[in-house]
């Protein structure tokens, strides 16, 4: 394994449980070395070229921007051997980024776990049932599928050209979710809520479940209802207490309004006033925060 960030050690530990034998790991920072020691005890930490010299299967688990240079450097120095499986875990790239390794005789695979990682042993358990975005040459599809299944995952085949869109979708959903939840918790603390995580947990869990089941039909709240007064009150309060959150609120509210309107949830006669508020026009006097359907959100 080259790169002992949050992802690599968990994948290597999962493969070890499936019967593979980790022989070497490369890590630079103290945190990387500690992670490797925790999940792969007794596996020696060596330079990247030595990792390849000892391995039949190599995991390249480095940041996206570092991957092309790493692959090219390893190939140019003769570290890649013919018949060696070279696997990267980047969501952004397919197997094209491994072209230098392919020219050196390596066998390229792109296996991206659609999971968020903590860098702790709990990550190994989370791989059970996790989808992997897989891109591989036709002749290596069975090998790619076998490795994913051995790690407890489910392979989902992604075309080379679709990798950037695939990764953008995951980032939009997972990475931005963390930002939204963290901001919501900060605002609840400002509002005097002592345990914002406990308050948000059931609400967000239900919202996520509904969204996964029903898509846009699960939209609720003042934007979907067209409660322009409530939205105007939200924007006014955010400008006073959390001005840094205003841009994100407006952007998400506009996107929500567009989807609610397209899905028939937001009545056209209410959309104009709402969109005016979101565009920064003077909104109506804020009224009660409960809509005609009794939904308090």
Protein backbone atom coordinates (compact mmCIF):
# COMPACT_ATOMS: atom_id res chain seq x y z
CA UNK A 1 0.00 0.00 0.00
CA UNK A 2 1.38 3.39 -1.04
CA UNK A 3 -0.28 6.09 1.03
CA UNK A 4 -1.57 5.47 4.55
CA UNK A 5 -4.32 8.05 4.74
CA UNK A 6 -7.77 7.20 6.00
CA UNK A 7 -8.71 4.90 3.11
CA UNK A 8 -5.71 2.66 2.45
CA UNK A 9 -5.25 0.97 5.82
CA UNK A 10 -8.94 0.03 5.98
CA UNK A 11 -8.86 -1.55 2.53
CA UNK A 12 -5.61 -3.37 3.23
CA UNK A 13 -6.96 -4.66 6.55
CA UNK A 14 -10.10 -5.91 4.77
CA UNK A 15 -8.02 -7.74 2.20
CA UNK A 16 -5.97 -9.24 5.03
CA UNK A 17 -9.15 -10.60 6.59
CA UNK A 18 -9.94 -12.17 3.20
CA UNK A 19 -6.63 -14.04 3.18
CA UNK A 20 -4.24 -11.65 1.47
CA UNK A 21 -0.92 -10.93 3.17
CA UNK A 22 0.10 -7.27 3.53
CA UNK A 23 3.87 -7.07 3.01
CA UNK A 24 4.70 -3.36 2.98
CA UNK A 25 3.22 0.10 3.44
CA UNK A 26 4.44 3.57 2.61
CA UNK A 27 3.47 6.56 4.72
CA UNK A 28 5.07 9.94 5.33
CA UNK A 29 3.31 11.76 8.15
CA UNK A 30 3.26 10.63 11.77
CA UNK A 31 -0.52 10.23 11.52
CA UNK A 32 -0.12 7.92 8.52
CA UNK A 33 2.41 5.77 10.31
CA UNK A 34 0.13 5.52 13.35
CA UNK A 35 -2.85 4.52 11.21
CA UNK A 36 -0.82 1.85 9.47
CA UNK A 37 0.41 0.53 12.80
CA UNK A 38 -3.11 0.39 14.22
CA UNK A 39 -4.73 -1.44 11.29
CA UNK A 40 -1.71 -3.30 9.89
CA UNK A 41 0.48 -4.18 12.87
CA UNK A 42 3.92 -5.60 12.09
CA UNK A 43 3.74 -4.55 8.42
CA UNK A 44 6.97 -2.68 7.62
CA UNK A 45 6.88 0.97 6.56
CA UNK A 46 9.17 1.45 3.55
CA UNK A 47 9.60 3.86 0.59
CA UNK A 48 7.07 3.53 -2.28
CA UNK A 49 9.50 1.78 -4.63
CA UNK A 50 10.16 -0.88 -1.99
CA UNK A 51 6.41 -1.41 -1.59
CA UNK A 52 6.17 -2.31 -5.27
CA UNK A 53 9.28 -4.49 -5.11
CA UNK A 54 7.66 -6.67 -2.44
CA UNK A 55 4.09 -6.79 -3.75
CA UNK A 56 1.99 -8.61 -6.30
CA UNK A 57 -1.00 -6.35 -5.60
CA UNK A 58 -0.35 -2.64 -4.98
CA UNK A 59 -2.88 -0.21 -3.54
CA UNK A 60 -2.24 3.42 -4.45
CA UNK A 61 -4.28 5.31 -1.86
CA UNK A 62 -3.02 8.87 -2.23
CA UNK A 63 -4.94 12.12 -2.85
CA UNK A 64 -6.34 12.59 -6.35
CA UNK A 65 -3.97 15.39 -7.32
CA UNK A 66 -0.93 13.35 -6.28
CA UNK A 67 -1.91 10.22 -8.19
CA UNK A 68 -0.77 11.03 -11.76
CA UNK A 69 2.71 12.11 -10.66
CA UNK A 70 3.08 9.10 -8.38
CA UNK A 71 2.15 6.62 -11.13
CA UNK A 72 4.43 8.27 -13.66
CA UNK A 73 7.32 8.37 -11.21
CA UNK A 74 6.97 4.72 -10.24
CA UNK A 75 6.80 3.66 -13.88
CA UNK A 76 9.77 5.78 -14.93
CA UNK A 77 11.99 4.36 -12.20
CA UNK A 78 11.17 0.78 -13.16
CA UNK A 79 9.26 0.03 -9.96
CA UNK A 80 6.28 -1.47 -11.79
CA UNK A 81 6.71 -5.12 -12.77
CA UNK A 82 4.90 -6.97 -15.57
CA UNK A 83 1.82 -8.76 -14.27
CA UNK A 84 1.63 -6.66 -11.10
CA UNK A 85 -1.88 -5.52 -10.15
CA UNK A 86 -1.85 -1.72 -9.72
CA UNK A 87 -5.02 -0.51 -7.99
CA UNK A 88 -5.90 3.09 -7.20
CA UNK A 89 -8.82 4.22 -5.05
CA UNK A 90 -9.49 7.66 -6.54
CA UNK A 91 -13.09 8.45 -7.38
CA UNK A 92 -12.10 11.03 -9.96
CA UNK A 93 -9.94 8.83 -12.17
CA UNK A 94 -10.54 5.65 -14.08
CA UNK A 95 -7.76 3.45 -15.41
CA UNK A 96 -6.44 6.07 -17.82
CA UNK A 97 -4.34 7.63 -15.08
CA UNK A 98 -2.55 4.29 -14.75
CA UNK A 99 -1.40 4.30 -18.39
CA UNK A 100 2.30 4.65 -17.43
CA UNK A 101 1.99 1.54 -15.24
CA UNK A 102 0.17 -0.28 -18.04
CA UNK A 103 3.01 0.49 -20.46
CA UNK A 104 5.39 -1.02 -17.91
CA UNK A 105 3.37 -4.22 -17.83
CA UNK A 106 1.18 -3.47 -14.82
CA UNK A 107 -2.47 -4.50 -14.66
CA UNK A 108 -4.62 -1.39 -13.93
CA UNK A 109 -7.73 -1.27 -11.76
CA UNK A 110 -9.74 1.65 -10.35
CA UNK A 111 -11.63 0.66 -7.19
CA UNK A 112 -13.24 3.57 -5.35
CA UNK A 113 -15.19 2.84 -2.15
CA UNK A 114 -18.28 5.04 -1.89
CA UNK A 115 -17.76 5.51 1.82
CA UNK A 116 -16.49 8.15 4.22
CA UNK A 117 -13.52 7.08 6.33
CA UNK A 118 -12.36 7.96 9.83
CA UNK A 119 -8.93 6.35 9.81
CA UNK A 120 -9.94 3.99 12.65
CA UNK A 121 -10.78 0.25 12.79
CA UNK A 122 -14.51 1.01 12.46
CA UNK A 123 -13.87 1.68 8.76
CA UNK A 124 -13.25 -2.01 8.12
CA UNK A 125 -16.73 -2.85 9.39
CA UNK A 126 -18.30 -0.10 7.26
CA UNK A 127 -17.00 -1.70 4.09
CA UNK A 128 -19.54 -4.50 4.48
CA UNK A 129 -22.11 -3.83 1.78
CA UNK A 130 -20.33 -0.66 0.61
CA UNK A 131 -20.60 0.11 -3.11
CA UNK A 132 -17.36 0.51 -5.05
CA UNK A 133 -17.11 2.52 -8.24
CA UNK A 134 -15.13 0.12 -10.45
CA UNK A 135 -13.41 0.81 -13.77
CA UNK A 136 -11.22 -1.86 -15.35
CA UNK A 137 -10.21 -3.24 -18.73
CA UNK A 138 -12.58 -5.93 -19.91
CA UNK A 139 -10.04 -8.69 -19.30
CA UNK A 140 -9.60 -7.59 -15.67
CA UNK A 141 -13.24 -7.15 -14.71
CA UNK A 142 -13.38 -10.51 -12.90
CA UNK A 143 -10.26 -9.64 -10.90
CA UNK A 144 -11.71 -6.24 -9.96
CA UNK A 145 -15.01 -7.80 -8.94
CA UNK A 146 -13.26 -10.44 -6.83
CA UNK A 147 -11.20 -7.87 -4.93
CA UNK A 148 -14.25 -5.73 -4.14
CA UNK A 149 -16.24 -8.74 -2.95
CA UNK A 150 -13.31 -9.87 -0.79
CA UNK A 151 -13.39 -6.47 0.93
CA UNK A 152 -17.10 -6.96 1.62
CA UNK A 153 -18.18 -4.47 -1.03
CA UNK A 154 -20.51 -4.42 -4.01
CA UNK A 155 -19.01 -3.53 -7.43
CA UNK A 156 -20.74 -0.83 -9.47
CA UNK A 157 -19.26 -0.50 -12.96
CA UNK A 158 -18.45 3.07 -14.00
CA UNK A 159 -17.36 3.97 -17.52
CA UNK A 160 -14.02 5.75 -17.81
CA UNK A 161 -15.64 8.89 -19.23
CA UNK A 162 -18.22 9.00 -16.42
CA UNK A 163 -15.75 8.95 -13.51
CA UNK A 164 -15.67 12.74 -12.94
CA UNK A 165 -19.49 12.96 -12.94
CA UNK A 166 -19.74 9.92 -10.67
CA UNK A 167 -17.31 11.48 -8.21
CA UNK A 168 -19.01 14.88 -8.35
CA UNK A 169 -22.30 13.21 -7.40
CA UNK A 170 -20.77 11.55 -4.37
CA UNK A 171 -19.04 14.75 -3.25
CA UNK A 172 -22.25 16.72 -3.67
CA UNK A 173 -24.14 14.28 -1.49
CA UNK A 174 -21.64 13.25 1.18
CA UNK A 175 -19.11 16.06 1.55
CA UNK A 176 -21.67 18.84 1.39
CA UNK A 177 -23.88 16.96 3.84
CA UNK A 178 -21.18 17.28 6.49
CA UNK A 179 -20.99 21.04 5.90
CA UNK A 180 -24.77 21.41 6.11
CA UNK A 181 -25.05 19.38 9.30
CA UNK A 182 -22.15 21.18 10.98
CA UNK A 183 -23.66 24.57 10.13
CA UNK A 184 -27.08 23.46 11.37
CA UNK A 185 -25.59 22.34 14.69
CA UNK A 186 -23.76 25.66 15.12
CA UNK A 187 -26.97 27.61 14.51
CA UNK A 188 -28.91 25.46 16.96
CA UNK A 189 -26.26 26.11 19.62
CA UNK A 190 -26.66 29.84 19.01
CA UNK A 191 -30.41 29.38 19.42
CA UNK A 192 -29.81 27.84 22.84
CA UNK A 193 -30.19 24.14 22.01
CA UNK A 194 -28.03 22.17 24.41
CA UNK A 195 -27.79 18.97 22.36
CA UNK A 196 -28.12 19.85 18.68
CA UNK A 197 -26.86 16.43 17.62
CA UNK A 198 -29.67 14.73 19.52
CA UNK A 199 -32.22 17.09 18.01
CA UNK A 200 -30.96 16.71 14.45
CA UNK A 201 -30.32 12.97 14.52
CA UNK A 202 -33.90 11.70 14.15
CA UNK A 203 -34.86 14.53 11.78
CA UNK A 204 -31.93 14.07 9.44
CA UNK A 205 -32.21 10.28 9.58
CA UNK A 206 -35.85 10.47 8.53
CA UNK A 207 -35.11 13.05 5.82
CA UNK A 208 -32.31 10.91 4.37
CA UNK A 209 -34.44 7.78 4.41
CA UNK A 210 -37.34 9.60 2.75
CA UNK A 211 -35.06 11.14 0.11
CA UNK A 212 -33.49 7.79 -0.77
CA UNK A 213 -36.91 6.20 -1.03
CA UNK A 214 -38.85 8.97 -2.76
CA UNK A 215 -36.44 11.50 -4.24
CA UNK A 216 -37.97 14.95 -4.82
CA UNK A 217 -41.33 13.76 -3.51
CA UNK A 218 -39.76 13.81 -0.04
CA UNK A 219 -39.23 17.59 -0.10
CA UNK A 220 -40.88 19.42 2.81
CA UNK A 221 -40.42 22.76 4.51
CA UNK A 222 -41.06 26.42 3.71
CA UNK A 223 -39.34 26.49 0.32
CA UNK A 224 -41.30 23.53 -1.02
CA UNK A 225 -44.50 25.06 0.38
CA UNK A 226 -43.77 28.51 -1.02
CA UNK A 227 -43.72 30.21 2.40
CA UNK A 228 -41.87 33.31 1.25
CA UNK A 229 -42.37 35.08 4.58
CA UNK A 230 -40.72 32.29 6.52
CA UNK A 231 -37.81 32.14 4.11
CA UNK A 232 -37.38 35.92 4.37
CA UNK A 233 -37.28 35.59 8.16
CA UNK A 234 -34.65 32.87 7.88
CA UNK A 235 -32.45 35.02 5.65
CA UNK A 236 -32.81 38.02 7.97
CA UNK A 237 -31.81 35.98 11.03
CA UNK A 238 -28.88 34.39 9.25
CA UNK A 239 -27.60 37.80 8.16
CA UNK A 240 -27.61 38.89 11.81
CA UNK A 241 -26.27 35.76 13.49
CA UNK A 242 -24.38 33.76 10.84
CA UNK A 243 -23.64 35.86 7.75
CA UNK A 244 -21.26 33.19 6.48
CA UNK A 245 -24.20 30.78 6.14
CA UNK A 246 -26.37 33.09 3.99
CA UNK A 247 -24.85 32.22 0.62
CA UNK A 248 -25.19 28.49 1.22
CA UNK A 249 -28.79 28.85 2.45
CA UNK A 250 -29.79 30.90 -0.59
CA UNK A 251 -28.09 28.55 -3.05
CA UNK A 252 -29.69 25.45 -1.56
CA UNK A 253 -33.07 27.17 -1.25
CA UNK A 254 -32.98 28.13 -4.94
CA UNK A 255 -32.06 24.58 -5.93
CA UNK A 256 -34.84 23.25 -3.69
CA UNK A 257 -37.36 25.67 -5.18
CA UNK A 258 -36.42 24.63 -8.72
CA UNK A 259 -36.83 20.94 -7.89
CA UNK A 260 -40.06 21.47 -5.94
CA UNK A 261 -41.50 23.52 -8.81
CA UNK A 262 -40.51 20.93 -11.42
CA UNK A 263 -41.99 18.14 -9.28
CA UNK A 264 -45.29 19.97 -8.78
CA UNK A 265 -44.84 20.51 -5.03
CA UNK A 266 -44.33 24.27 -5.21
CA UNK A 267 -47.34 26.07 -6.64
CA UNK A 268 -46.40 28.39 -9.51
CA UNK A 269 -48.41 31.26 -8.02
CA UNK A 270 -46.27 31.08 -4.87
CA UNK A 271 -42.95 30.55 -6.64
CA UNK A 272 -42.57 34.12 -7.95
CA UNK A 273 -42.71 35.73 -4.51
CA UNK A 274 -40.41 33.08 -3.05
CA UNK A 275 -37.85 33.44 -5.81
CA UNK A 276 -37.95 37.19 -5.31
CA UNK A 277 -36.96 36.73 -1.69
CA UNK A 278 -34.15 34.40 -2.69
CA UNK A 279 -32.96 36.94 -5.27
CA UNK A 280 -32.60 39.56 -2.53
CA UNK A 281 -35.77 41.49 -3.23
CA UNK A 282 -37.82 42.82 -0.32
CA UNK A 283 -39.80 39.93 1.03
CA UNK A 284 -43.25 39.88 2.64
CA UNK A 285 -43.71 40.40 6.34
CA UNK A 286 -42.78 37.12 8.05
CA UNK A 287 -45.79 35.21 9.22
CA UNK A 288 -46.20 32.00 11.27
CA UNK A 289 -43.60 29.36 10.63
CA UNK A 290 -46.16 26.59 10.19
CA UNK A 291 -47.52 26.00 6.70
CA UNK A 292 -51.02 25.09 5.69
CA UNK A 293 -50.10 21.44 5.88
CA UNK A 294 -49.01 21.81 9.50
CA UNK A 295 -45.41 20.92 8.70
CA UNK A 296 -43.22 22.93 11.12
CA UNK A 297 -40.03 22.54 9.11
